PDB file of N, CA and C in Angstrom:
ATOM      1  N   MET A   1      13.046  -2.448  14.906  1.00  0.00           N
ATOM      2  CA  MET A   1      12.142  -3.551  14.777  1.00  0.00           C
ATOM      3  C   MET A   1      11.122  -3.254  13.685  1.00  0.00           C
ATOM      4  N   LEU A   2      10.883  -4.229  12.811  1.00  0.00           N
ATOM      5  CA  LEU A   2       9.957  -4.084  11.697  1.00  0.00           C
ATOM      6  C   LEU A   2       8.552  -4.465  12.126  1.00  0.00           C
ATOM      7  N   GLY A   3       7.603  -3.623  11.745  1.00  0.00           N
ATOM      8  CA  GLY A   3       6.191  -3.919  11.976  1.00  0.00           C
ATOM      9  C   GLY A   3       5.396  -3.575  10.730  1.00  0.00           C
ATOM     10  N   ILE A   4       4.379  -4.352  10.462  1.00  0.00           N
ATOM     11  CA  ILE A   4       3.459  -4.083   9.356  1.00  0.00           C
ATOM     12  C   ILE A   4       2.098  -3.857   9.989  1.00  0.00           C
ATOM     13  N   ARG A   5       1.457  -2.760   9.643  1.00  0.00           N
ATOM     14  CA  ARG A   5       0.144  -2.480  10.217  1.00  0.00           C
ATOM     15  C   ARG A   5      -0.795  -1.922   9.156  1.00  0.00           C
ATOM     16  N   ARG A   6      -2.066  -1.992   9.459  1.00  0.00           N
ATOM     17  CA  ARG A   6      -3.080  -1.471   8.551  1.00  0.00           C
ATOM     18  C   ARG A   6      -3.042   0.057   8.510  1.00  0.00           C
ATOM     19  N   PHE A   7      -3.310   0.585   7.336  1.00  0.00           N
ATOM     20  CA  PHE A   7      -3.474   2.016   7.115  1.00  0.00           C
ATOM     21  C   PHE A   7      -4.733   2.479   7.843  1.00  0.00           C
ATOM     22  N   VAL A   8      -4.658   3.623   8.514  1.00  0.00           N
ATOM     23  CA  VAL A   8      -5.804   4.196   9.210  1.00  0.00           C
ATOM     24  C   VAL A   8      -6.181   5.508   8.521  1.00  0.00           C
ATOM     25  N   VAL A   9      -7.391   5.549   7.943  1.00  0.00           N
ATOM     26  CA  VAL A   9      -7.875   6.756   7.271  1.00  0.00           C
ATOM     27  C   VAL A   9      -7.973   7.888   8.291  1.00  0.00           C
ATOM     28  N   GLY A  10      -7.504   9.061   7.890  1.00  0.00           N
ATOM     29  CA  GLY A  10      -7.538  10.226   8.760  1.00  0.00           C
ATOM     30  C   GLY A  10      -6.319  10.350   9.661  1.00  0.00           C
ATOM     31  N   VAL A  11      -5.454   9.343   9.636  1.00  0.00           N
ATOM     32  CA  VAL A  11      -4.263   9.338  10.489  1.00  0.00           C
ATOM     33  C   VAL A  11      -2.987   9.157   9.667  1.00  0.00           C
ATOM     34  N   ASP A  12      -3.029   8.231   8.696  1.00  0.00           N
ATOM     35  CA  ASP A  12      -1.814   7.774   8.026  1.00  0.00           C
ATOM     36  C   ASP A  12      -1.547   8.363   6.643  1.00  0.00           C
ATOM     37  N   GLU A  13      -2.330   9.325   6.232  1.00  0.00           N
ATOM     38  CA  GLU A  13      -2.127   9.868   4.883  1.00  0.00           C
ATOM     39  C   GLU A  13      -0.717  10.417   4.681  1.00  0.00           C
ATOM     40  N   ALA A  14      -0.194  11.143   5.645  1.00  0.00           N
ATOM     41  CA  ALA A  14       1.148  11.726   5.492  1.00  0.00           C
ATOM     42  C   ALA A  14       2.217  10.631   5.398  1.00  0.00           C
ATOM     43  N   TYR A  15       2.049   9.547   6.164  1.00  0.00           N
ATOM     44  CA  TYR A  15       2.996   8.431   6.084  1.00  0.00           C
ATOM     45  C   TYR A  15       2.940   7.775   4.713  1.00  0.00           C
ATOM     46  N   TRP A  16       1.707   7.508   4.226  1.00  0.00           N
ATOM     47  CA  TRP A  16       1.535   6.857   2.926  1.00  0.00           C
ATOM     48  C   TRP A  16       2.190   7.700   1.838  1.00  0.00           C
ATOM     49  N   VAL A  17       1.911   9.009   1.837  1.00  0.00           N
ATOM     50  CA  VAL A  17       2.438   9.913   0.814  1.00  0.00           C
ATOM     51  C   VAL A  17       3.961   9.994   0.894  1.00  0.00           C
ATOM     52  N   LYS A  18       4.499  10.025   2.089  1.00  0.00           N
ATOM     53  CA  LYS A  18       5.962  10.084   2.256  1.00  0.00           C
ATOM     54  C   LYS A  18       6.627   8.882   1.589  1.00  0.00           C
ATOM     55  N   VAL A  19       6.110   7.700   1.861  1.00  0.00           N
ATOM     56  CA  VAL A  19       6.699   6.496   1.272  1.00  0.00           C
ATOM     57  C   VAL A  19       6.417   6.448  -0.222  1.00  0.00           C
ATOM     58  N   TRP A  20       5.181   6.727  -0.627  1.00  0.00           N
ATOM     59  CA  TRP A  20       4.817   6.682  -2.045  1.00  0.00           C
ATOM     60  C   TRP A  20       5.722   7.617  -2.853  1.00  0.00           C
ATOM     61  N   ASN A  21       5.937   8.828  -2.358  1.00  0.00           N
ATOM     62  CA  ASN A  21       6.796   9.783  -3.066  1.00  0.00           C
ATOM     63  C   ASN A  21       8.249   9.312  -3.119  1.00  0.00           C
ATOM     64  N   ALA A  22       8.737   8.700  -2.053  1.00  0.00           N
ATOM     65  CA  ALA A  22      10.111   8.189  -2.057  1.00  0.00           C
ATOM     66  C   ALA A  22      10.272   7.056  -3.070  1.00  0.00           C
ATOM     67  N   VAL A  23       9.211   6.275  -3.249  1.00  0.00           N
ATOM     68  CA  VAL A  23       9.272   5.125  -4.155  1.00  0.00           C
ATOM     69  C   VAL A  23       8.963   5.521  -5.592  1.00  0.00           C
ATOM     70  N   TYR A  24       7.895   6.294  -5.788  1.00  0.00           N
ATOM     71  CA  TYR A  24       7.384   6.580  -7.137  1.00  0.00           C
ATOM     72  C   TYR A  24       7.508   8.035  -7.581  1.00  0.00           C
ATOM     73  N   GLY A  25       7.637   8.970  -6.662  1.00  0.00           N
ATOM     74  CA  GLY A  25       7.540  10.392  -6.983  1.00  0.00           C
ATOM     75  C   GLY A  25       8.613  10.942  -7.891  1.00  0.00           C
ATOM     76  N   GLY A  26       9.759  10.309  -7.945  1.00  0.00           N
ATOM     77  CA  GLY A  26      10.850  10.810  -8.768  1.00  0.00           C
ATOM     78  C   GLY A  26      10.951  10.189 -10.139  1.00  0.00           C
ATOM     79  N   ARG A  27      10.005   9.299 -10.462  1.00  0.00           N
ATOM     80  CA  ARG A  27      10.044   8.637 -11.772  1.00  0.00           C
ATOM     81  C   ARG A  27       9.616   9.600 -12.868  1.00  0.00           C
ATOM     82  N   TRP A  28      10.086   9.355 -14.057  1.00  0.00           N
ATOM     83  CA  TRP A  28       9.770  10.246 -15.184  1.00  0.00           C
ATOM     84  C   TRP A  28       8.279  10.235 -15.502  1.00  0.00           C
ATOM     85  N   ASP A  29       7.581   9.142 -15.191  1.00  0.00           N
ATOM     86  CA  ASP A  29       6.165   9.025 -15.542  1.00  0.00           C
ATOM     87  C   ASP A  29       5.238   9.327 -14.360  1.00  0.00           C
ATOM     88  N   ASN A  30       5.773   9.810 -13.264  1.00  0.00           N
ATOM     89  CA  ASN A  30       4.984  10.176 -12.087  1.00  0.00           C
ATOM     90  C   ASN A  30       5.455  11.503 -11.552  1.00  0.00           C
ATOM     91  N   ARG A  31       4.577  12.131 -10.833  1.00  0.00           N
ATOM     92  CA  ARG A  31       4.964  13.335 -10.101  1.00  0.00           C
ATOM     93  C   ARG A  31       4.630  13.071  -8.637  1.00  0.00           C
ATOM     94  N   PRO A  32       5.254  13.775  -7.738  1.00  0.00           N
ATOM     95  CA  PRO A  32       4.959  13.551  -6.323  1.00  0.00           C
ATOM     96  C   PRO A  32       3.476  13.788  -6.008  1.00  0.00           C
ATOM     97  N   MET A  33       2.968  13.032  -5.053  1.00  0.00           N
ATOM     98  CA  MET A  33       1.593  13.162  -4.605  1.00  0.00           C
ATOM     99  C   MET A  33       1.589  14.017  -3.331  1.00  0.00           C
ATOM    100  N   SER A  34       0.493  14.724  -3.105  1.00  0.00           N
ATOM    101  CA  SER A  34       0.348  15.481  -1.863  1.00  0.00           C
ATOM    102  C   SER A  34      -0.672  14.784  -0.962  1.00  0.00           C
ATOM    103  N   VAL A  35      -0.628  15.118   0.297  1.00  0.00           N
ATOM    104  CA  VAL A  35      -1.593  14.572   1.253  1.00  0.00           C
ATOM    105  C   VAL A  35      -2.999  14.987   0.843  1.00  0.00           C
ATOM    106  N   ASP A  36      -3.157  16.227   0.377  1.00  0.00           N
ATOM    107  CA  ASP A  36      -4.484  16.683  -0.063  1.00  0.00           C
ATOM    108  C   ASP A  36      -5.007  15.849  -1.222  1.00  0.00           C
ATOM    109  N   GLU A  37      -4.135  15.488  -2.155  1.00  0.00           N
ATOM    110  CA  GLU A  37      -4.560  14.645  -3.283  1.00  0.00           C
ATOM    111  C   GLU A  37      -5.013  13.265  -2.802  1.00  0.00           C
ATOM    112  N   LEU A  38      -4.302  12.705  -1.850  1.00  0.00           N
ATOM    113  CA  LEU A  38      -4.707  11.409  -1.308  1.00  0.00           C
ATOM    114  C   LEU A  38      -6.056  11.530  -0.609  1.00  0.00           C
ATOM    115  N   ARG A  39      -6.250  12.594   0.141  1.00  0.00           N
ATOM    116  CA  ARG A  39      -7.535  12.789   0.833  1.00  0.00           C
ATOM    117  C   ARG A  39      -8.687  12.957  -0.155  1.00  0.00           C
ATOM    118  N   VAL A  40      -8.434  13.612  -1.278  1.00  0.00           N
ATOM    119  CA  VAL A  40      -9.475  13.722  -2.317  1.00  0.00           C
ATOM    120  C   VAL A  40      -9.805  12.339  -2.859  1.00  0.00           C
ATOM    121  N   SER A  41      -8.780  11.517  -3.105  1.00  0.00           N
ATOM    122  CA  SER A  41      -9.026  10.174  -3.642  1.00  0.00           C
ATOM    123  C   SER A  41      -9.778   9.300  -2.645  1.00  0.00           C
ATOM    124  N   GLU A  42      -9.657   9.602  -1.361  1.00  0.00           N
ATOM    125  CA  GLU A  42     -10.382   8.840  -0.344  1.00  0.00           C
ATOM    126  C   GLU A  42     -11.893   9.014  -0.455  1.00  0.00           C
ATOM    127  N   ARG A  43     -12.325  10.066  -1.111  1.00  0.00           N
ATOM    128  CA  ARG A  43     -13.762  10.305  -1.295  1.00  0.00           C
ATOM    129  C   ARG A  43     -14.311   9.622  -2.548  1.00  0.00           C
ATOM    130  N   SER A  44     -13.430   8.996  -3.331  1.00  0.00           N
ATOM    131  CA  SER A  44     -13.838   8.294  -4.542  1.00  0.00           C
ATOM    132  C   SER A  44     -14.578   7.010  -4.174  1.00  0.00           C
ATOM    133  N   PRO A  45     -15.585   6.628  -4.967  1.00  0.00           N
ATOM    134  CA  PRO A  45     -16.325   5.396  -4.655  1.00  0.00           C
ATOM    135  C   PRO A  45     -15.474   4.130  -4.694  1.00  0.00           C
ATOM    136  N   ASP A  46     -14.380   4.134  -5.436  1.00  0.00           N
ATOM    137  CA  ASP A  46     -13.556   2.921  -5.502  1.00  0.00           C
ATOM    138  C   ASP A  46     -12.376   2.944  -4.525  1.00  0.00           C
ATOM    139  N   PHE A  47     -12.316   3.973  -3.655  1.00  0.00           N
ATOM    140  CA  PHE A  47     -11.242   4.011  -2.661  1.00  0.00           C
ATOM    141  C   PHE A  47     -11.475   2.904  -1.644  1.00  0.00           C
ATOM    142  N   GLU A  48     -10.404   2.212  -1.316  1.00  0.00           N
ATOM    143  CA  GLU A  48     -10.476   1.153  -0.329  1.00  0.00           C
ATOM    144  C   GLU A  48      -9.281   1.275   0.601  1.00  0.00           C
ATOM    145  N   SER A  49      -9.544   1.454   1.862  1.00  0.00           N
ATOM    146  CA  SER A  49      -8.446   1.512   2.828  1.00  0.00           C
ATOM    147  C   SER A  49      -8.172   0.150   3.439  1.00  0.00           C
ATOM    148  N   GLU A  50      -9.136  -0.760   3.357  1.00  0.00           N
ATOM    149  CA  GLU A  50      -9.042  -2.049   4.029  1.00  0.00           C
ATOM    150  C   GLU A  50      -7.781  -2.830   3.678  1.00  0.00           C
ATOM    151  N   GLY A  51      -7.327  -2.779   2.452  1.00  0.00           N
ATOM    152  CA  GLY A  51      -6.174  -3.557   2.028  1.00  0.00           C
ATOM    153  C   GLY A  51      -4.862  -2.797   2.021  1.00  0.00           C
ATOM    154  N   ARG A  52      -4.822  -1.632   2.623  1.00  0.00           N
ATOM    155  CA  ARG A  52      -3.595  -0.833   2.653  1.00  0.00           C
ATOM    156  C   ARG A  52      -2.812  -1.133   3.924  1.00  0.00           C
ATOM    157  N   PHE A  53      -1.504  -1.306   3.750  1.00  0.00           N
ATOM    158  CA  PHE A  53      -0.632  -1.596   4.884  1.00  0.00           C
ATOM    159  C   PHE A  53       0.615  -0.721   4.811  1.00  0.00           C
ATOM    160  N   ILE A  54       1.125  -0.371   5.977  1.00  0.00           N
ATOM    161  CA  ILE A  54       2.348   0.420   6.099  1.00  0.00           C
ATOM    162  C   ILE A  54       3.371  -0.405   6.867  1.00  0.00           C
ATOM    163  N   ALA A  55       4.587  -0.462   6.329  1.00  0.00           N
ATOM    164  CA  ALA A  55       5.695  -1.096   7.041  1.00  0.00           C
ATOM    165  C   ALA A  55       6.450  -0.008   7.787  1.00  0.00           C
ATOM    166  N   GLU A  56       6.734  -0.276   9.056  1.00  0.00           N
ATOM    167  CA  GLU A  56       7.481   0.672   9.870  1.00  0.00           C
ATOM    168  C   GLU A  56       8.708  -0.020  10.447  1.00  0.00           C
ATOM    169  N   LEU A  57       9.817   0.658  10.358  1.00  0.00           N
ATOM    170  CA  LEU A  57      11.060   0.182  10.949  1.00  0.00           C
ATOM    171  C   LEU A  57      11.429   1.178  12.037  1.00  0.00           C
ATOM    172  N   ASN A  58      11.443   0.716  13.278  1.00  0.00           N
ATOM    173  CA  ASN A  58      11.700   1.607  14.421  1.00  0.00           C
ATOM    174  C   ASN A  58      10.766   2.818  14.397  1.00  0.00           C
ATOM    175  N   ASN A  59       9.489   2.543  14.148  1.00  0.00           N
ATOM    176  CA  ASN A  59       8.410   3.549  14.115  1.00  0.00           C
ATOM    177  C   ASN A  59       8.540   4.562  12.977  1.00  0.00           C
ATOM    178  N   GLN A  60       9.362   4.270  11.983  1.00  0.00           N
ATOM    179  CA  GLN A  60       9.521   5.130  10.811  1.00  0.00           C
ATOM    180  C   GLN A  60       8.878   4.426   9.614  1.00  0.00           C
ATOM    181  N   PRO A  61       7.972   5.101   8.872  1.00  0.00           N
ATOM    182  CA  PRO A  61       7.368   4.454   7.705  1.00  0.00           C
ATOM    183  C   PRO A  61       8.405   4.228   6.609  1.00  0.00           C
ATOM    184  N   VAL A  62       8.516   2.963   6.169  1.00  0.00           N
ATOM    185  CA  VAL A  62       9.532   2.625   5.174  1.00  0.00           C
ATOM    186  C   VAL A  62       8.977   1.851   3.983  1.00  0.00           C
ATOM    187  N   GLY A  63       7.716   1.418   4.056  1.00  0.00           N
ATOM    188  CA  GLY A  63       7.155   0.650   2.951  1.00  0.00           C
ATOM    189  C   GLY A  63       5.639   0.682   2.956  1.00  0.00           C
ATOM    190  N   ILE A  64       5.052   0.405   1.774  1.00  0.00           N
ATOM    191  CA  ILE A  64       3.601   0.362   1.632  1.00  0.00           C
ATOM    192  C   ILE A  64       3.211  -0.774   0.701  1.00  0.00           C
ATOM    193  N   VAL A  65       2.000  -1.265   0.889  1.00  0.00           N
ATOM    194  CA  VAL A  65       1.396  -2.187  -0.063  1.00  0.00           C
ATOM    195  C   VAL A  65      -0.108  -1.958  -0.007  1.00  0.00           C
ATOM    196  N   HIS A  66      -0.731  -2.043  -1.177  1.00  0.00           N
ATOM    197  CA  HIS A  66      -2.183  -1.927  -1.262  1.00  0.00           C
ATOM    198  C   HIS A  66      -2.722  -3.179  -1.936  1.00  0.00           C
ATOM    199  N   ALA A  67      -3.333  -4.032  -1.119  1.00  0.00           N
ATOM    200  CA  ALA A  67      -3.964  -5.272  -1.595  1.00  0.00           C
ATOM    201  C   ALA A  67      -5.417  -4.931  -1.911  1.00  0.00           C
ATOM    202  N   TYR A  68      -5.656  -4.499  -3.136  1.00  0.00           N
ATOM    203  CA  TYR A  68      -6.967  -3.965  -3.538  1.00  0.00           C
ATOM    204  C   TYR A  68      -7.903  -5.071  -4.000  1.00  0.00           C
ATOM    205  N   VAL A  69      -9.133  -5.000  -3.503  1.00  0.00           N
ATOM    206  CA  VAL A  69     -10.188  -5.913  -3.917  1.00  0.00           C
ATOM    207  C   VAL A  69     -11.345  -5.075  -4.457  1.00  0.00           C
ATOM    208  N   ASP A  70     -11.675  -5.290  -5.719  1.00  0.00           N
ATOM    209  CA  ASP A  70     -12.805  -4.612  -6.347  1.00  0.00           C
ATOM    210  C   ASP A  70     -14.077  -5.344  -5.928  1.00  0.00           C
ATOM    211  N   ARG A  71     -14.876  -4.711  -5.083  1.00  0.00           N
ATOM    212  CA  ARG A  71     -16.066  -5.360  -4.535  1.00  0.00           C
ATOM    213  C   ARG A  71     -17.122  -5.661  -5.586  1.00  0.00           C
ATOM    214  N   LEU A  72     -17.067  -5.008  -6.724  1.00  0.00           N
ATOM    215  CA  LEU A  72     -18.066  -5.214  -7.768  1.00  0.00           C
ATOM    216  C   LEU A  72     -17.676  -6.293  -8.771  1.00  0.00           C
ATOM    217  N   ARG A  73     -16.447  -6.734  -8.736  1.00  0.00           N
ATOM    218  CA  ARG A  73     -15.950  -7.747  -9.668  1.00  0.00           C
ATOM    219  C   ARG A  73     -16.474  -9.118  -9.255  1.00  0.00           C
ATOM    220  N   GLU A  74     -17.000  -9.853 -10.217  1.00  0.00           N
ATOM    221  CA  GLU A  74     -17.489 -11.209  -9.927  1.00  0.00           C
ATOM    222  C   GLU A  74     -16.338 -12.179  -9.699  1.00  0.00           C
ATOM    223  N   GLU A  75     -15.300 -12.067 -10.514  1.00  0.00           N
ATOM    224  CA  GLU A  75     -14.134 -12.946 -10.366  1.00  0.00           C
ATOM    225  C   GLU A  75     -13.434 -12.636  -9.046  1.00  0.00           C
ATOM    226  N   LYS A  76     -13.031 -13.653  -8.341  1.00  0.00           N
ATOM    227  CA  LYS A  76     -12.321 -13.495  -7.068  1.00  0.00           C
ATOM    228  C   LYS A  76     -10.856 -13.192  -7.354  1.00  0.00           C
ATOM    229  N   LYS A  77     -10.601 -11.943  -7.765  1.00  0.00           N
ATOM    230  CA  LYS A  77      -9.265 -11.535  -8.183  1.00  0.00           C
ATOM    231  C   LYS A  77      -8.876 -10.262  -7.440  1.00  0.00           C
ATOM    232  N   GLY A  78      -7.706 -10.300  -6.797  1.00  0.00           N
ATOM    233  CA  GLY A  78      -7.179  -9.135  -6.111  1.00  0.00           C
ATOM    234  C   GLY A  78      -6.074  -8.487  -6.930  1.00  0.00           C
ATOM    235  N   PHE A  79      -5.798  -7.245  -6.614  1.00  0.00           N
ATOM    236  CA  PHE A  79      -4.798  -6.472  -7.349  1.00  0.00           C
ATOM    237  C   PHE A  79      -3.857  -5.780  -6.369  1.00  0.00           C
ATOM    238  N   VAL A  80      -2.560  -5.872  -6.634  1.00  0.00           N
ATOM    239  CA  VAL A  80      -1.604  -5.087  -5.872  1.00  0.00           C
ATOM    240  C   VAL A  80      -1.479  -3.755  -6.599  1.00  0.00           C
ATOM    241  N   ARG A  81      -2.024  -2.718  -5.996  1.00  0.00           N
ATOM    242  CA  ARG A  81      -2.032  -1.399  -6.642  1.00  0.00           C
ATOM    243  C   ARG A  81      -0.775  -0.598  -6.341  1.00  0.00           C
ATOM    244  N   SER A  82      -0.309  -0.658  -5.148  1.00  0.00           N
ATOM    245  CA  SER A  82       0.920   0.048  -4.760  1.00  0.00           C
ATOM    246  C   SER A  82       1.774  -0.919  -3.969  1.00  0.00           C
ATOM    247  N   PHE A  83       3.066  -0.886  -4.229  1.00  0.00           N
ATOM    248  CA  PHE A  83       4.000  -1.743  -3.503  1.00  0.00           C
ATOM    249  C   PHE A  83       5.354  -1.082  -3.582  1.00  0.00           C
ATOM    250  N   GLY A  84       5.942  -0.811  -2.448  1.00  0.00           N
ATOM    251  CA  GLY A  84       7.270  -0.225  -2.509  1.00  0.00           C
ATOM    252  C   GLY A  84       7.898  -0.032  -1.153  1.00  0.00           C
ATOM    253  N   VAL A  85       9.209   0.055  -1.170  1.00  0.00           N
ATOM    254  CA  VAL A  85      10.010   0.307   0.022  1.00  0.00           C
ATOM    255  C   VAL A  85      10.934   1.478  -0.297  1.00  0.00           C
ATOM    256  N   VAL A  86      11.053   2.380   0.643  1.00  0.00           N
ATOM    257  CA  VAL A  86      11.954   3.524   0.494  1.00  0.00           C
ATOM    258  C   VAL A  86      13.335   2.987   0.104  1.00  0.00           C
ATOM    259  N   PRO A  87      13.954   3.555  -0.943  1.00  0.00           N
ATOM    260  CA  PRO A  87      15.192   2.982  -1.485  1.00  0.00           C
ATOM    261  C   PRO A  87      16.272   2.621  -0.463  1.00  0.00           C
ATOM    262  N   GLU A  88      16.519   3.464   0.508  1.00  0.00           N
ATOM    263  CA  GLU A  88      17.605   3.160   1.447  1.00  0.00           C
ATOM    264  C   GLU A  88      17.291   2.016   2.410  1.00  0.00           C
ATOM    265  N   PHE A  89      16.055   1.516   2.381  1.00  0.00           N
ATOM    266  CA  PHE A  89      15.681   0.393   3.255  1.00  0.00           C
ATOM    267  C   PHE A  89      15.428  -0.900   2.476  1.00  0.00           C
ATOM    268  N   ARG A  90      15.681  -0.883   1.194  1.00  0.00           N
ATOM    269  CA  ARG A  90      15.474  -2.084   0.385  1.00  0.00           C
ATOM    270  C   ARG A  90      16.521  -3.149   0.699  1.00  0.00           C
ATOM    271  N   GLY A  91      16.129  -4.396   0.454  1.00  0.00           N
ATOM    272  CA  GLY A  91      17.048  -5.509   0.643  1.00  0.00           C
ATOM    273  C   GLY A  91      17.184  -5.976   2.081  1.00  0.00           C
ATOM    274  N   ARG A  92      16.269  -5.565   2.943  1.00  0.00           N
ATOM    275  CA  ARG A  92      16.327  -5.961   4.354  1.00  0.00           C
ATOM    276  C   ARG A  92      15.185  -6.912   4.723  1.00  0.00           C
ATOM    277  N   GLY A  93      14.494  -7.419   3.710  1.00  0.00           N
ATOM    278  CA  GLY A  93      13.381  -8.328   3.975  1.00  0.00           C
ATOM    279  C   GLY A  93      12.040  -7.645   4.101  1.00  0.00           C
ATOM    280  N   ILE A  94      12.016  -6.329   3.996  1.00  0.00           N
ATOM    281  CA  ILE A  94      10.761  -5.585   4.123  1.00  0.00           C
ATOM    282  C   ILE A  94       9.835  -5.909   2.957  1.00  0.00           C
ATOM    283  N   GLU A  95      10.397  -6.007   1.757  1.00  0.00           N
ATOM    284  CA  GLU A  95       9.601  -6.334   0.579  1.00  0.00           C
ATOM    285  C   GLU A  95       8.896  -7.673   0.760  1.00  0.00           C
ATOM    286  N   GLN A  96       9.623  -8.662   1.273  1.00  0.00           N
ATOM    287  CA  GLN A  96       9.053  -9.992   1.484  1.00  0.00           C
ATOM    288  C   GLN A  96       7.910  -9.939   2.493  1.00  0.00           C
ATOM    289  N   LYS A  97       8.088  -9.216   3.585  1.00  0.00           N
ATOM    290  CA  LYS A  97       7.044  -9.112   4.609  1.00  0.00           C
ATOM    291  C   LYS A  97       5.806  -8.404   4.058  1.00  0.00           C
ATOM    292  N   LEU A  98       6.010  -7.388   3.242  1.00  0.00           N
ATOM    293  CA  LEU A  98       4.862  -6.703   2.630  1.00  0.00           C
ATOM    294  C   LEU A  98       4.128  -7.628   1.670  1.00  0.00           C
ATOM    295  N   ALA A  99       4.864  -8.385   0.870  1.00  0.00           N
ATOM    296  CA  ALA A  99       4.247  -9.327  -0.068  1.00  0.00           C
ATOM    297  C   ALA A  99       3.468 -10.399   0.683  1.00  0.00           C
ATOM    298  N   GLU A 100       4.051 -10.929   1.745  1.00  0.00           N
ATOM    299  CA  GLU A 100       3.362 -11.937   2.553  1.00  0.00           C
ATOM    300  C   GLU A 100       2.085 -11.365   3.176  1.00  0.00           C
ATOM    301  N   THR A 101       2.159 -10.135   3.643  1.00  0.00           N
ATOM    302  CA  THR A 101       0.990  -9.477   4.239  1.00  0.00           C
ATOM    303  C   THR A 101      -0.120  -9.320   3.206  1.00  0.00           C
ATOM    304  N   ALA A 102       0.254  -8.880   1.990  1.00  0.00           N
ATOM    305  CA  ALA A 102      -0.751  -8.716   0.923  1.00  0.00           C
ATOM    306  C   ALA A 102      -1.380 -10.053   0.554  1.00  0.00           C
ATOM    307  N   LEU A 103      -0.577 -11.084   0.405  1.00  0.00           N
ATOM    308  CA  LEU A 103      -1.118 -12.399   0.055  1.00  0.00           C
ATOM    309  C   LEU A 103      -2.064 -12.925   1.133  1.00  0.00           C
ATOM    310  N   GLU A 104      -1.701 -12.735   2.381  1.00  0.00           N
ATOM    311  CA  GLU A 104      -2.572 -13.155   3.481  1.00  0.00           C
ATOM    312  C   GLU A 104      -3.893 -12.365   3.461  1.00  0.00           C
ATOM    313  N   GLU A 105      -3.796 -11.082   3.169  1.00  0.00           N
ATOM    314  CA  GLU A 105      -5.006 -10.249   3.060  1.00  0.00           C
ATOM    315  C   GLU A 105      -5.912 -10.768   1.948  1.00  0.00           C
ATOM    316  N   PHE A 106      -5.333 -11.087   0.808  1.00  0.00           N
ATOM    317  CA  PHE A 106      -6.137 -11.626  -0.299  1.00  0.00           C
ATOM    318  C   PHE A 106      -6.788 -12.956   0.092  1.00  0.00           C
ATOM    319  N   ARG A 107      -6.029 -13.824   0.723  1.00  0.00           N
ATOM    320  CA  ARG A 107      -6.587 -15.117   1.171  1.00  0.00           C
ATOM    321  C   ARG A 107      -7.762 -14.890   2.121  1.00  0.00           C
ATOM    322  N   ASN A 108      -7.562 -14.007   3.087  1.00  0.00           N
ATOM    323  CA  ASN A 108      -8.599 -13.743   4.079  1.00  0.00           C
ATOM    324  C   ASN A 108      -9.857 -13.136   3.461  1.00  0.00           C
ATOM    325  N   ARG A 109      -9.699 -12.481   2.332  1.00  0.00           N
ATOM    326  CA  ARG A 109     -10.844 -11.853   1.668  1.00  0.00           C
ATOM    327  C   ARG A 109     -11.390 -12.714   0.530  1.00  0.00           C
ATOM    328  N   GLY A 110     -10.922 -13.957   0.437  1.00  0.00           N
ATOM    329  CA  GLY A 110     -11.495 -14.920  -0.495  1.00  0.00           C
ATOM    330  C   GLY A 110     -11.019 -14.815  -1.930  1.00  0.00           C
ATOM    331  N   MET A 111      -9.897 -14.158  -2.165  1.00  0.00           N
ATOM    332  CA  MET A 111      -9.390 -14.019  -3.521  1.00  0.00           C
ATOM    333  C   MET A 111      -8.615 -15.295  -3.899  1.00  0.00           C
ATOM    334  N   SER A 112      -8.849 -15.760  -5.126  1.00  0.00           N
ATOM    335  CA  SER A 112      -8.153 -16.962  -5.593  1.00  0.00           C
ATOM    336  C   SER A 112      -7.086 -16.625  -6.638  1.00  0.00           C
ATOM    337  N   VAL A 113      -7.105 -15.401  -7.143  1.00  0.00           N
ATOM    338  CA  VAL A 113      -6.135 -14.941  -8.141  1.00  0.00           C
ATOM    339  C   VAL A 113      -5.659 -13.551  -7.731  1.00  0.00           C
ATOM    340  N   VAL A 114      -4.369 -13.284  -7.938  1.00  0.00           N
ATOM    341  CA  VAL A 114      -3.796 -11.972  -7.634  1.00  0.00           C
ATOM    342  C   VAL A 114      -3.048 -11.467  -8.850  1.00  0.00           C
ATOM    343  N   GLN A 115      -3.253 -10.211  -9.175  1.00  0.00           N
ATOM    344  CA  GLN A 115      -2.514  -9.577 -10.262  1.00  0.00           C
ATOM    345  C   GLN A 115      -1.624  -8.499  -9.680  1.00  0.00           C
ATOM    346  N   VAL A 116      -0.336  -8.560 -10.050  1.00  0.00           N
ATOM    347  CA  VAL A 116       0.620  -7.579  -9.569  1.00  0.00           C
ATOM    348  C   VAL A 116       1.053  -6.709 -10.730  1.00  0.00           C
TER     349      VAL A 116
END
């Protein structure tokens, strides 16, 4: 069963990194991320956990999306910073559910424009 839930700081870093590395870590222009690196980024002033979501299939993390809202930006514009599904789970509708979740998050936070 597929579920989409909010990222929980201090709990979900290993899940986020697992999916992020499966999606982006093997690309020529990226290197794998570590949980420690994610925790360091959580201390950055522009870190936002509010718009992060994890897709789970049978309680296994299989996808992520980050619906980022820059609180200092005057324009009501949201950004999809991370979006991906573990390769072996693609094409099962998970991508669509993550996109719908991000769009709903942007709507709920008053964004009128989204950049992907």
